[in-house]
Every structure is written in structure tokens, then in C-alpha cells.
C-alpha atoms as a PDB file:
ATOM      1  CA  MET A   1      68.966 -41.261  77.131  1.00  0.00           C
ATOM      2  CA  LYS A   2      70.130 -43.465  74.233  1.00  0.00           C
ATOM      3  CA  GLN A   3      67.189 -45.801  74.742  1.00  0.00           C
ATOM      4  CA  TYR A   4      64.880 -42.796  74.585  1.00  0.00           C
ATOM      5  CA  LEU A   5      66.433 -41.691  71.296  1.00  0.00           C
ATOM      6  CA  PHE A   6      65.976 -45.137  69.810  1.00  0.00           C
ATOM      7  CA  ALA A   7      62.339 -45.205  70.947  1.00  0.00           C
ATOM      8  CA  LEU A   8      61.918 -41.857  69.238  1.00  0.00           C
ATOM      9  CA  MET A   9      63.351 -43.317  66.024  1.00  0.00           C
ATOM     10  CA  ILE A  10      60.838 -46.154  66.146  1.00  0.00           C
ATOM     11  CA  GLY A  11      58.070 -43.629  66.580  1.00  0.00           C
ATOM     12  CA  MET A  12      59.326 -41.708  63.584  1.00  0.00           C
ATOM     13  CA  VAL A  13      59.192 -44.834  61.437  1.00  0.00           C
ATOM     14  CA  ALA A  14      55.716 -45.753  62.687  1.00  0.00           C
ATOM     15  CA  GLN A  15      54.366 -42.276  62.009  1.00  0.00           C
ATOM     16  CA  ASN A  16      56.247 -41.926  58.709  1.00  0.00           C
ATOM     17  CA  ALA A  17      57.850 -38.741  60.009  1.00  0.00           C
ATOM     18  CA  PHE A  18      60.007 -38.413  56.887  1.00  0.00           C
ATOM     19  CA  ALA A  19      57.748 -36.182  54.786  1.00  0.00           C
ATOM     20  CA  GLY A  20      57.105 -37.636  51.344  1.00  0.00           C
ATOM     21  CA  VAL A  21      58.622 -41.017  52.159  1.00  0.00           C
ATOM     22  CA  VAL A  22      56.505 -44.061  51.350  1.00  0.00           C
ATOM     23  CA  GLY A  23      57.362 -47.143  53.376  1.00  0.00           C
ATOM     24  CA  LYS A  24      55.738 -50.543  53.028  1.00  0.00           C
ATOM     25  CA  THR A  25      56.270 -54.185  53.845  1.00  0.00           C
ATOM     26  CA  VAL A  26      56.645 -56.572  50.917  1.00  0.00           C
ATOM     27  CA  ASP A  27      56.802 -60.353  50.666  1.00  0.00           C
ATOM     28  CA  TYR A  28      59.279 -62.001  48.300  1.00  0.00           C
ATOM     29  CA  ARG A  29      60.986 -65.379  48.023  1.00  0.00           C
ATOM     30  CA  GLN A  30      64.287 -67.175  47.903  1.00  0.00           C
ATOM     31  CA  GLY A  31      63.505 -70.632  46.626  1.00  0.00           C
ATOM     32  CA  ASP A  32      60.641 -71.961  48.737  1.00  0.00           C
ATOM     33  CA  THR A  33      61.298 -69.583  51.632  1.00  0.00           C
ATOM     34  CA  VAL A  34      59.012 -66.597  52.098  1.00  0.00           C
ATOM     35  CA  LEU A  35      60.867 -63.441  53.115  1.00  0.00           C
ATOM     36  CA  GLU A  36      59.414 -60.179  54.399  1.00  0.00           C
ATOM     37  CA  GLY A  37      61.277 -57.023  53.432  1.00  0.00           C
ATOM     38  CA  TYR A  38      60.620 -53.309  53.677  1.00  0.00           C
ATOM     39  CA  VAL A  39      60.807 -50.810  50.819  1.00  0.00           C
ATOM     40  CA  ALA A  40      61.087 -47.038  51.224  1.00  0.00           C
ATOM     41  CA  TYR A  41      61.215 -44.245  48.652  1.00  0.00           C
ATOM     42  CA  ASP A  42      60.424 -40.552  48.385  1.00  0.00           C
ATOM     43  CA  ASP A  43      57.219 -40.199  46.400  1.00  0.00           C
ATOM     44  CA  SER A  44      58.109 -36.627  45.433  1.00  0.00           C
ATOM     45  CA  VAL A  45      61.171 -37.773  43.443  1.00  0.00           C
ATOM     46  CA  LYS A  46      60.373 -38.393  39.798  1.00  0.00           C
ATOM     47  CA  GLY A  47      61.956 -40.947  37.513  1.00  0.00           C
ATOM     48  CA  LYS A  48      64.176 -43.907  38.248  1.00  0.00           C
ATOM     49  CA  ARG A  49      66.866 -43.543  40.868  1.00  0.00           C
ATOM     50  CA  PRO A  50      69.653 -45.617  42.481  1.00  0.00           C
ATOM     51  CA  GLY A  51      68.615 -48.485  44.731  1.00  0.00           C
ATOM     52  CA  VAL A  52      70.247 -49.403  48.036  1.00  0.00           C
ATOM     53  CA  LEU A  53      69.861 -52.805  49.669  1.00  0.00           C
ATOM     54  CA  VAL A  54      69.974 -52.658  53.486  1.00  0.00           C
ATOM     55  CA  ILE A  55      70.871 -55.844  55.394  1.00  0.00           C
ATOM     56  CA  HIS A  56      69.990 -56.213  59.052  1.00  0.00           C
ATOM     57  CA  GLU A  57      71.858 -57.022  62.243  1.00  0.00           C
ATOM     58  CA  TRP A  58      71.772 -60.531  63.724  1.00  0.00           C
ATOM     59  CA  THR A  59      68.413 -59.903  65.429  1.00  0.00           C
ATOM     60  CA  GLY A  60      66.693 -59.819  62.035  1.00  0.00           C
ATOM     61  CA  LEU A  61      64.892 -57.083  60.145  1.00  0.00           C
ATOM     62  CA  GLY A  62      63.375 -54.605  62.577  1.00  0.00           C
ATOM     63  CA  ALA A  63      62.660 -50.958  63.332  1.00  0.00           C
ATOM     64  CA  TYR A  64      66.312 -49.925  63.160  1.00  0.00           C
ATOM     65  CA  GLU A  65      66.864 -51.098  59.590  1.00  0.00           C
ATOM     66  CA  LYS A  66      63.506 -49.665  58.506  1.00  0.00           C
ATOM     67  CA  TRP A  67      64.528 -46.310  59.965  1.00  0.00           C
ATOM     68  CA  ARG A  68      67.782 -46.451  58.012  1.00  0.00           C
ATOM     69  CA  ALA A  69      65.819 -47.300  54.861  1.00  0.00           C
ATOM     70  CA  ASP A  70      63.613 -44.260  55.420  1.00  0.00           C
ATOM     71  CA  GLN A  71      66.710 -42.101  55.841  1.00  0.00           C
ATOM     72  CA  LEU A  72      68.092 -43.373  52.543  1.00  0.00           C
ATOM     73  CA  ALA A  73      64.764 -42.722  50.841  1.00  0.00           C
ATOM     74  CA  LYS A  74      64.845 -39.126  52.044  1.00  0.00           C
ATOM     75  CA  LEU A  75      68.291 -38.783  50.450  1.00  0.00           C
ATOM     76  CA  GLY A  76      66.711 -39.664  47.107  1.00  0.00           C
ATOM     77  CA  TYR A  77      67.399 -43.394  46.899  1.00  0.00           C
ATOM     78  CA  VAL A  78      65.039 -46.347  46.843  1.00  0.00           C
ATOM     79  CA  ALA A  79      65.927 -48.496  49.842  1.00  0.00           C
ATOM     80  CA  PHE A  80      65.011 -52.134  50.313  1.00  0.00           C
ATOM     81  CA  ALA A  81      65.590 -53.590  53.773  1.00  0.00           C
ATOM     82  CA  ALA A  82      66.129 -57.282  53.121  1.00  0.00           C
ATOM     83  CA  ASP A  83      65.099 -60.237  55.260  1.00  0.00           C
ATOM     84  CA  ILE A  84      67.825 -62.868  55.464  1.00  0.00           C
ATOM     85  CA  TYR A  85      66.183 -65.138  58.055  1.00  0.00           C
ATOM     86  CA  GLY A  86      62.680 -65.587  56.643  1.00  0.00           C
ATOM     87  CA  LYS A  87      59.244 -64.194  57.391  1.00  0.00           C
ATOM     88  CA  GLY A  88      58.464 -64.287  61.100  1.00  0.00           C
ATOM     89  CA  VAL A  89      61.992 -65.303  62.126  1.00  0.00           C
ATOM     90  CA  ARG A  90      63.022 -62.499  64.471  1.00  0.00           C
ATOM     91  CA  PRO A  91      65.213 -63.734  67.359  1.00  0.00           C
ATOM     92  CA  ALA A  92      64.035 -62.223  70.630  1.00  0.00           C
ATOM     93  CA  THR A  93      67.282 -62.649  72.597  1.00  0.00           C
ATOM     94  CA  GLN A  94      71.000 -62.338  71.917  1.00  0.00           C
ATOM     95  CA  GLU A  95      71.372 -66.081  72.441  1.00  0.00           C
ATOM     96  CA  LEU A  96      68.720 -66.877  69.838  1.00  0.00           C
ATOM     97  CA  ALA A  97      70.199 -64.306  67.476  1.00  0.00           C
ATOM     98  CA  ALA A  98      73.630 -65.894  67.775  1.00  0.00           C
ATOM     99  CA  LYS A  99      72.165 -69.311  67.031  1.00  0.00           C
ATOM    100  CA  GLU A 100      70.258 -68.046  63.985  1.00  0.00           C
ATOM    101  CA  ALA A 101      73.188 -66.064  62.612  1.00  0.00           C
ATOM    102  CA  ALA A 102      75.455 -69.103  62.922  1.00  0.00           C
ATOM    103  CA  LYS A 103      73.378 -70.855  60.245  1.00  0.00           C
ATOM    104  CA  TYR A 104      74.623 -68.289  57.741  1.00  0.00           C
ATOM    105  CA  ARG A 105      78.138 -67.430  58.914  1.00  0.00           C
ATOM    106  CA  GLY A 106      79.753 -70.859  58.832  1.00  0.00           C
ATOM    107  CA  ASN A 107      82.198 -72.158  56.249  1.00  0.00           C
ATOM    108  CA  ASP A 108      79.414 -72.459  53.688  1.00  0.00           C
ATOM    109  CA  ARG A 109      78.265 -68.951  52.833  1.00  0.00           C
ATOM    110  CA  SER A 110      76.002 -70.020  49.952  1.00  0.00           C
ATOM    111  CA  LEU A 111      72.759 -69.427  51.886  1.00  0.00           C
ATOM    112  CA  ILE A 112      73.638 -65.932  53.095  1.00  0.00           C
ATOM    113  CA  ARG A 113      74.644 -65.071  49.536  1.00  0.00           C
ATOM    114  CA  ALA A 114      71.418 -66.497  48.110  1.00  0.00           C
ATOM    115  CA  ARG A 115      69.226 -64.635  50.596  1.00  0.00           C
ATOM    116  CA  SER A 116      71.102 -61.391  49.958  1.00  0.00           C
ATOM    117  CA  ALA A 117      70.829 -61.888  46.202  1.00  0.00           C
ATOM    118  CA  ALA A 118      67.066 -62.414  46.531  1.00  0.00           C
ATOM    119  CA  GLY A 119      66.802 -59.032  48.237  1.00  0.00           C
ATOM    120  CA  LEU A 120      68.906 -57.404  45.527  1.00  0.00           C
ATOM    121  CA  GLU A 121      66.701 -58.904  42.834  1.00  0.00           C
ATOM    122  CA  ALA A 122      63.557 -57.662  44.576  1.00  0.00           C
ATOM    123  CA  LEU A 123      65.096 -54.182  44.805  1.00  0.00           C
ATOM    124  CA  SER A 124      66.155 -54.129  41.156  1.00  0.00           C
ATOM    125  CA  LYS A 125      62.631 -54.961  39.992  1.00  0.00           C
ATOM    126  CA  LEU A 126      60.957 -52.053  41.784  1.00  0.00           C
ATOM    127  CA  PRO A 127      59.561 -49.585  39.215  1.00  0.00           C
ATOM    128  CA  GLN A 128      61.315 -46.609  40.834  1.00  0.00           C
ATOM    129  CA  VAL A 129      64.774 -48.214  40.618  1.00  0.00           C
ATOM    130  CA  ASP A 130      67.471 -47.896  37.985  1.00  0.00           C
ATOM    131  CA  PRO A 131      68.747 -51.512  37.994  1.00  0.00           C
ATOM    132  CA  LYS A 132      72.137 -50.423  36.694  1.00  0.00           C
ATOM    133  CA  ARG A 133      72.759 -48.285  39.789  1.00  0.00           C
ATOM    134  CA  LEU A 134      72.635 -50.520  42.850  1.00  0.00           C
ATOM    135  CA  ALA A 135      74.520 -50.635  46.141  1.00  0.00           C
ATOM    136  CA  VAL A 136      74.342 -52.679  49.328  1.00  0.00           C
ATOM    137  CA  ILE A 137      74.939 -51.694  52.946  1.00  0.00           C
ATOM    138  CA  GLY A 138      74.836 -53.841  56.057  1.00  0.00           C
ATOM    139  CA  TYR A 139      75.106 -53.568  59.818  1.00  0.00           C
ATOM    140  CA  CYS A 140      77.091 -56.106  61.927  1.00  0.00           C
ATOM    141  CA  PHE A 141      75.759 -59.460  60.620  1.00  0.00           C
ATOM    142  CA  GLY A 142      74.472 -57.463  57.665  1.00  0.00           C
ATOM    143  CA  GLY A 143      77.954 -56.137  56.966  1.00  0.00           C
ATOM    144  CA  THR A 144      79.126 -59.724  56.596  1.00  0.00           C
ATOM    145  CA  ALA A 145      76.189 -60.439  54.287  1.00  0.00           C
ATOM    146  CA  ALA A 146      76.845 -57.341  52.182  1.00  0.00           C
ATOM    147  CA  LEU A 147      80.472 -58.315  51.663  1.00  0.00           C
ATOM    148  CA  GLU A 148      79.522 -61.888  50.797  1.00  0.00           C
ATOM    149  CA  LEU A 149      77.048 -60.579  48.223  1.00  0.00           C
ATOM    150  CA  ALA A 150      79.849 -58.540  46.657  1.00  0.00           C
ATOM    151  CA  ARG A 151      82.209 -61.534  46.754  1.00  0.00           C
ATOM    152  CA  SER A 152      79.593 -63.571  44.889  1.00  0.00           C
ATOM    153  CA  GLY A 153      79.965 -61.255  41.900  1.00  0.00           C
ATOM    154  CA  ALA A 154      76.678 -59.399  42.331  1.00  0.00           C
ATOM    155  CA  ALA A 155      76.103 -56.403  40.072  1.00  0.00           C
ATOM    156  CA  VAL A 156      76.474 -53.704  42.728  1.00  0.00           C
ATOM    157  CA  LEU A 157      78.441 -50.523  42.194  1.00  0.00           C
ATOM    158  CA  GLY A 158      79.312 -50.285  45.860  1.00  0.00           C
ATOM    159  CA  THR A 159      79.279 -52.189  49.140  1.00  0.00           C
ATOM    160  CA  VAL A 160      79.316 -50.595  52.593  1.00  0.00           C
ATOM    161  CA  SER A 161      79.888 -52.523  55.815  1.00  0.00           C
ATOM    162  CA  PHE A 162      79.025 -50.779  59.087  1.00  0.00           C
ATOM    163  CA  HIS A 163      80.843 -52.540  61.966  1.00  0.00           C
ATOM    164  CA  GLY A 164      80.458 -55.810  60.088  1.00  0.00           C
ATOM    165  CA  GLY A 165      82.321 -59.088  60.251  1.00  0.00           C
ATOM    166  CA  LEU A 166      85.084 -58.971  57.622  1.00  0.00           C
ATOM    167  CA  SER A 167      86.265 -62.574  57.421  1.00  0.00           C
ATOM    168  CA  THR A 168      85.305 -65.052  54.731  1.00  0.00           C
ATOM    169  CA  PRO A 169      86.013 -68.763  54.226  1.00  0.00           C
ATOM    170  CA  VAL A 170      87.196 -68.151  50.638  1.00  0.00           C
ATOM    171  CA  PRO A 171      89.224 -64.923  50.393  1.00  0.00           C
ATOM    172  CA  ALA A 172      89.947 -65.645  46.725  1.00  0.00           C
ATOM    173  CA  ASP A 173      86.299 -64.874  45.967  1.00  0.00           C
ATOM    174  CA  ALA A 174      87.159 -61.192  46.332  1.00  0.00           C
ATOM    175  CA  LYS A 175      88.273 -61.367  42.707  1.00  0.00           C
ATOM    176  CA  ASN A 176      84.564 -61.529  41.819  1.00  0.00           C
ATOM    177  CA  ILE A 177      83.830 -58.109  43.326  1.00  0.00           C
ATOM    178  CA  LYS A 178      82.586 -55.812  40.570  1.00  0.00           C
ATOM    179  CA  GLY A 179      82.170 -52.530  42.471  1.00  0.00           C
ATOM    180  CA  LYS A 180      83.905 -50.500  45.150  1.00  0.00           C
ATOM    181  CA  VAL A 181      84.020 -51.368  48.853  1.00  0.00           C
ATOM    182  CA  LEU A 182      83.827 -49.167  51.956  1.00  0.00           C
ATOM    183  CA  ALA A 183      84.368 -50.717  55.396  1.00  0.00           C
ATOM    184  CA  LEU A 184      83.432 -48.563  58.416  1.00  0.00           C
ATOM    185  CA  HIS A 185      85.019 -50.002  61.524  1.00  0.00           C
ATOM    186  CA  GLY A 186      85.166 -49.266  65.242  1.00  0.00           C
ATOM    187  CA  ALA A 187      88.858 -49.008  66.136  1.00  0.00           C
ATOM    188  CA  ASP A 188      88.208 -50.697  69.502  1.00  0.00           C
ATOM    189  CA  ASP A 189      85.805 -53.390  68.272  1.00  0.00           C
ATOM    190  CA  PRO A 190      86.602 -56.503  70.347  1.00  0.00           C
ATOM    191  CA  TYR A 191      84.605 -58.807  68.082  1.00  0.00           C
ATOM    192  CA  VAL A 192      86.329 -57.936  64.811  1.00  0.00           C
ATOM    193  CA  LYS A 193      89.927 -58.109  65.951  1.00  0.00           C
ATOM    194  CA  PRO A 194      93.050 -56.702  64.230  1.00  0.00           C
ATOM    195  CA  PRO A 195      94.046 -60.046  62.610  1.00  0.00           C
ATOM    196  CA  GLU A 196      90.625 -60.216  60.934  1.00  0.00           C
ATOM    197  CA  VAL A 197      90.964 -56.619  59.775  1.00  0.00           C
ATOM    198  CA  GLU A 198      94.463 -57.272  58.430  1.00  0.00           C
ATOM    199  CA  ALA A 199      93.288 -60.383  56.579  1.00  0.00           C
ATOM    200  CA  PHE A 200      90.439 -58.418  55.014  1.00  0.00           C
ATOM    201  CA  GLN A 201      92.796 -55.694  53.836  1.00  0.00           C
ATOM    202  CA  GLN A 202      95.156 -58.253  52.349  1.00  0.00           C
ATOM    203  CA  GLU A 203      92.201 -59.936  50.634  1.00  0.00           C
ATOM    204  CA  MET A 204      91.193 -56.628  49.047  1.00  0.00           C
ATOM    205  CA  ARG A 205      94.758 -55.876  47.936  1.00  0.00           C
ATOM    206  CA  GLN A 206      95.337 -59.272  46.378  1.00  0.00           C
ATOM    207  CA  ALA A 207      92.072 -59.059  44.439  1.00  0.00           C
ATOM    208  CA  LYS A 208      92.881 -55.468  43.370  1.00  0.00           C
ATOM    209  CA  VAL A 209      89.547 -54.217  44.663  1.00  0.00           C
ATOM    210  CA  ASP A 210      88.919 -50.458  44.837  1.00  0.00           C
ATOM    211  CA  TRP A 211      88.442 -50.320  48.609  1.00  0.00           C
ATOM    212  CA  GLN A 212      88.480 -47.912  51.522  1.00  0.00           C
ATOM    213  CA  MET A 213      88.430 -48.456  55.270  1.00  0.00           C
ATOM    214  CA  ASN A 214      87.609 -45.895  57.952  1.00  0.00           C
ATOM    215  CA  TYR A 215      88.471 -46.407  61.613  1.00  0.00           C
ATOM    216  CA  TYR A 216      86.556 -44.588  64.343  1.00  0.00           C
ATOM    217  CA  GLY A 217      88.431 -43.967  67.574  1.00  0.00           C
ATOM    218  CA  SER A 218      86.811 -45.087  70.851  1.00  0.00           C
ATOM    219  CA  ALA A 219      84.104 -46.933  68.874  1.00  0.00           C
ATOM    220  CA  VAL A 220      83.333 -50.572  69.605  1.00  0.00           C
ATOM    221  CA  HIS A 221      80.916 -52.989  67.952  1.00  0.00           C
ATOM    222  CA  SER A 222      77.479 -51.820  66.772  1.00  0.00           C
ATOM    223  CA  PHE A 223      78.448 -48.167  67.149  1.00  0.00           C
ATOM    224  CA  THR A 224      75.660 -46.856  64.868  1.00  0.00           C
ATOM    225  CA  ASN A 225      72.719 -48.265  66.818  1.00  0.00           C
ATOM    226  CA  PRO A 226      71.430 -46.351  69.896  1.00  0.00           C
ATOM    227  CA  LYS A 227      69.862 -49.603  71.075  1.00  0.00           C
ATOM    228  CA  SER A 228      73.402 -50.847  71.762  1.00  0.00           C
ATOM    229  CA  GLY A 229      73.602 -48.823  74.975  1.00  0.00           C
ATOM    230  CA  ASN A 230      76.380 -46.540  76.159  1.00  0.00           C
ATOM    231  CA  ASP A 231      78.899 -48.771  77.927  1.00  0.00           C
ATOM    232  CA  PRO A 232      81.890 -49.468  75.633  1.00  0.00           C
ATOM    233  CA  SER A 233      83.362 -51.840  78.216  1.00  0.00           C
ATOM    234  CA  LYS A 234      80.734 -54.376  77.138  1.00  0.00           C
ATOM    235  CA  GLY A 235      82.176 -54.377  73.627  1.00  0.00           C
ATOM    236  CA  VAL A 236      78.899 -53.157  72.125  1.00  0.00           C
ATOM    237  CA  ALA A 237      77.865 -49.508  72.453  1.00  0.00           C
ATOM    238  CA  TYR A 238      76.473 -46.573  70.546  1.00  0.00           C
ATOM    239  CA  ASN A 239      78.933 -43.837  69.576  1.00  0.00           C
ATOM    240  CA  GLU A 240      77.236 -40.691  68.305  1.00  0.00           C
ATOM    241  CA  LYS A 241      80.315 -39.238  66.619  1.00  0.00           C
ATOM    242  CA  ALA A 242      81.179 -42.476  64.858  1.00  0.00           C
ATOM    243  CA  ASP A 243      77.555 -42.914  63.810  1.00  0.00           C
ATOM    244  CA  HIS A 244      77.458 -39.455  62.227  1.00  0.00           C
ATOM    245  CA  ARG A 245      80.888 -39.701  60.610  1.00  0.00           C
ATOM    246  CA  SER A 246      80.256 -43.127  59.127  1.00  0.00           C
ATOM    247  CA  TRP A 247      76.900 -42.044  57.664  1.00  0.00           C
ATOM    248  CA  GLU A 248      78.554 -39.011  56.072  1.00  0.00           C
ATOM    249  CA  ALA A 249      81.295 -41.254  54.647  1.00  0.00           C
ATOM    250  CA  MET A 250      78.616 -43.475  53.105  1.00  0.00           C
ATOM    251  CA  LYS A 251      76.927 -40.474  51.489  1.00  0.00           C
ATOM    252  CA  ILE A 252      80.184 -39.297  49.902  1.00  0.00           C
ATOM    253  CA  PHE A 253      80.833 -42.853  48.702  1.00  0.00           C
ATOM    254  CA  PHE A 254      77.395 -43.004  47.095  1.00  0.00           C
ATOM    255  CA  ASP A 255      77.934 -39.678  45.341  1.00  0.00           C
ATOM    256  CA  GLU A 256      81.060 -41.203  43.838  1.00  0.00           C
ATOM    257  CA  ILE A 257      79.715 -44.560  42.730  1.00  0.00           C
ATOM    258  CA  PHE A 258      76.408 -43.268  41.392  1.00  0.00           C
ATOM    259  CA  GLY A 259      77.998 -40.320  39.629  1.00  0.00           C
ATOM    260  CA  GLN A 260      75.602 -37.736  40.962  1.00  0.00           C
ATOM    261  CA  LYS A 261      75.012 -35.884  44.186  1.00  0.00           C
ATOM    262  CA  GLN A 262      71.831 -36.813  45.992  1.00  0.00           C
ATOM    263  CA  LYS A 263      70.032 -34.823  48.701  1.00  0.00           C
ATOM    264  CA  HIS A 264      72.275 -34.222  51.736  1.00  0.00           C
END
């Protein structure tokens, strides 16, 4: 059933089922590397509006992140789904995804920060975007990337991590965070264990960041993605309640940081 729902989501993206939403693929660069992102916005909304950077899971930018971008566009934001890996680099298996992600999640986080910053720059330059009202969200690997972008001192008003990795090689970099932080975490996530969560919270406290953290009971890793299946014993599974509650928490957070209520 969950696989069917995810297939339906893909169909919605392909057919642009969100009325008024314009979605298109765009090429941009980080240094000499060509990246392929996806921008979505509601063409019926007039004037400049807040921009939200969306960072993908470890399998690379795909239908799931594009669907989330379309959802954000329908809420009244301009969404830019970034490409961290590079154009055409889309790992086809979990093993390949783990290998690719490892290039960015080691002790040197400079590349993941640079690729995330390139996406933020591309978003800020879109004509529909108010460059003074930016946020970043990320899923799993993308949650790690979103937090690293914030730790780099990027000009974002808010950062949201959905079931993302919370650790960092240099916790002191949290002092560079300019905006607010919201971490949305599966309480039973076996991949982001309590010591990592505790270290993240201590990092936020020591840097005096304005942060929040929501736990979702019975939720494991990747709880927002129907493609994750429905067997929590595997450590990765979709949780409909946690998906809905975390999305609603993000919307409230955005109302706060952007200072205005968008479409809900």
C-alpha cells in the first residue's frame, strides 16, 4: 500500500497535479561541477516570497524531493531542490548511496557545505525569491547537509532537519548559526542514537542557538518517505502520523521565522 502511495506521488509530480505550480529542472554550478536542481513555485502568487532550499536523501535528488518542493510551492514558497552529488550522479542501490554519501559526511565537511551553499545561492537569485527570507530543510543525508549549511554561517532564517544525522566534526561551529533550528526526530531511530542526539542538544545549548527538537514515538529512520516501507524492525520505515506531524511542525516554524502566515 505504501509503495502504491509513493507511486501516486511520483505521478502527481510528473503530471504537475498541484494546480498553479510551475516545476522545472535547472543546471547550476559549484566550482567546476555541474549540478542539476529542481525549482518549484506557484505562478498565481504575485511578488517576491520566501525561498526554501530542499536537500535530498543519500540516494540523490529524485521524485521524492521534487514532490516536497511542489508541496512547498503550493504553500506559497519558492522551493529549490538542490543537487549535492552532481548532475547524473544518482546512486541506484543502498550500497552505492552509502559510498557516495561517505564522500561528504567524513571529518571534512567543506564539500557538503559548498554544495549546499551553491544551492542556496541559486535559490536566492531566482526572481520570485526574497533573498532576505531563506530557509533550508533536509531529509536524512539532507538533514545533515542542512545543519552543516547553518553551521557554516549561511544567511538562513531557519533550518529544519527531518530524520537527519545530527553529529558534526566541529561542534564549535554552531556558534556561526544565524537563524533558528528545528530538528524532527524519530524516537526509535537506530541510526541516530541517543548519544548523538544528546551531543547535538549540548552543541545547540553551548552555542546559544534558538533551537527546538520534536520526537515522534514509534518512528524510526526515514519516517517521512513512503518509499521506506512499513517494517520498523528494519530501522527504516514510513510512519504516516510522524510524517504529518513533522510537516505541520515545519509549517508553524516557517510562519514564525518568516513573520507571516502562508497558505496552509
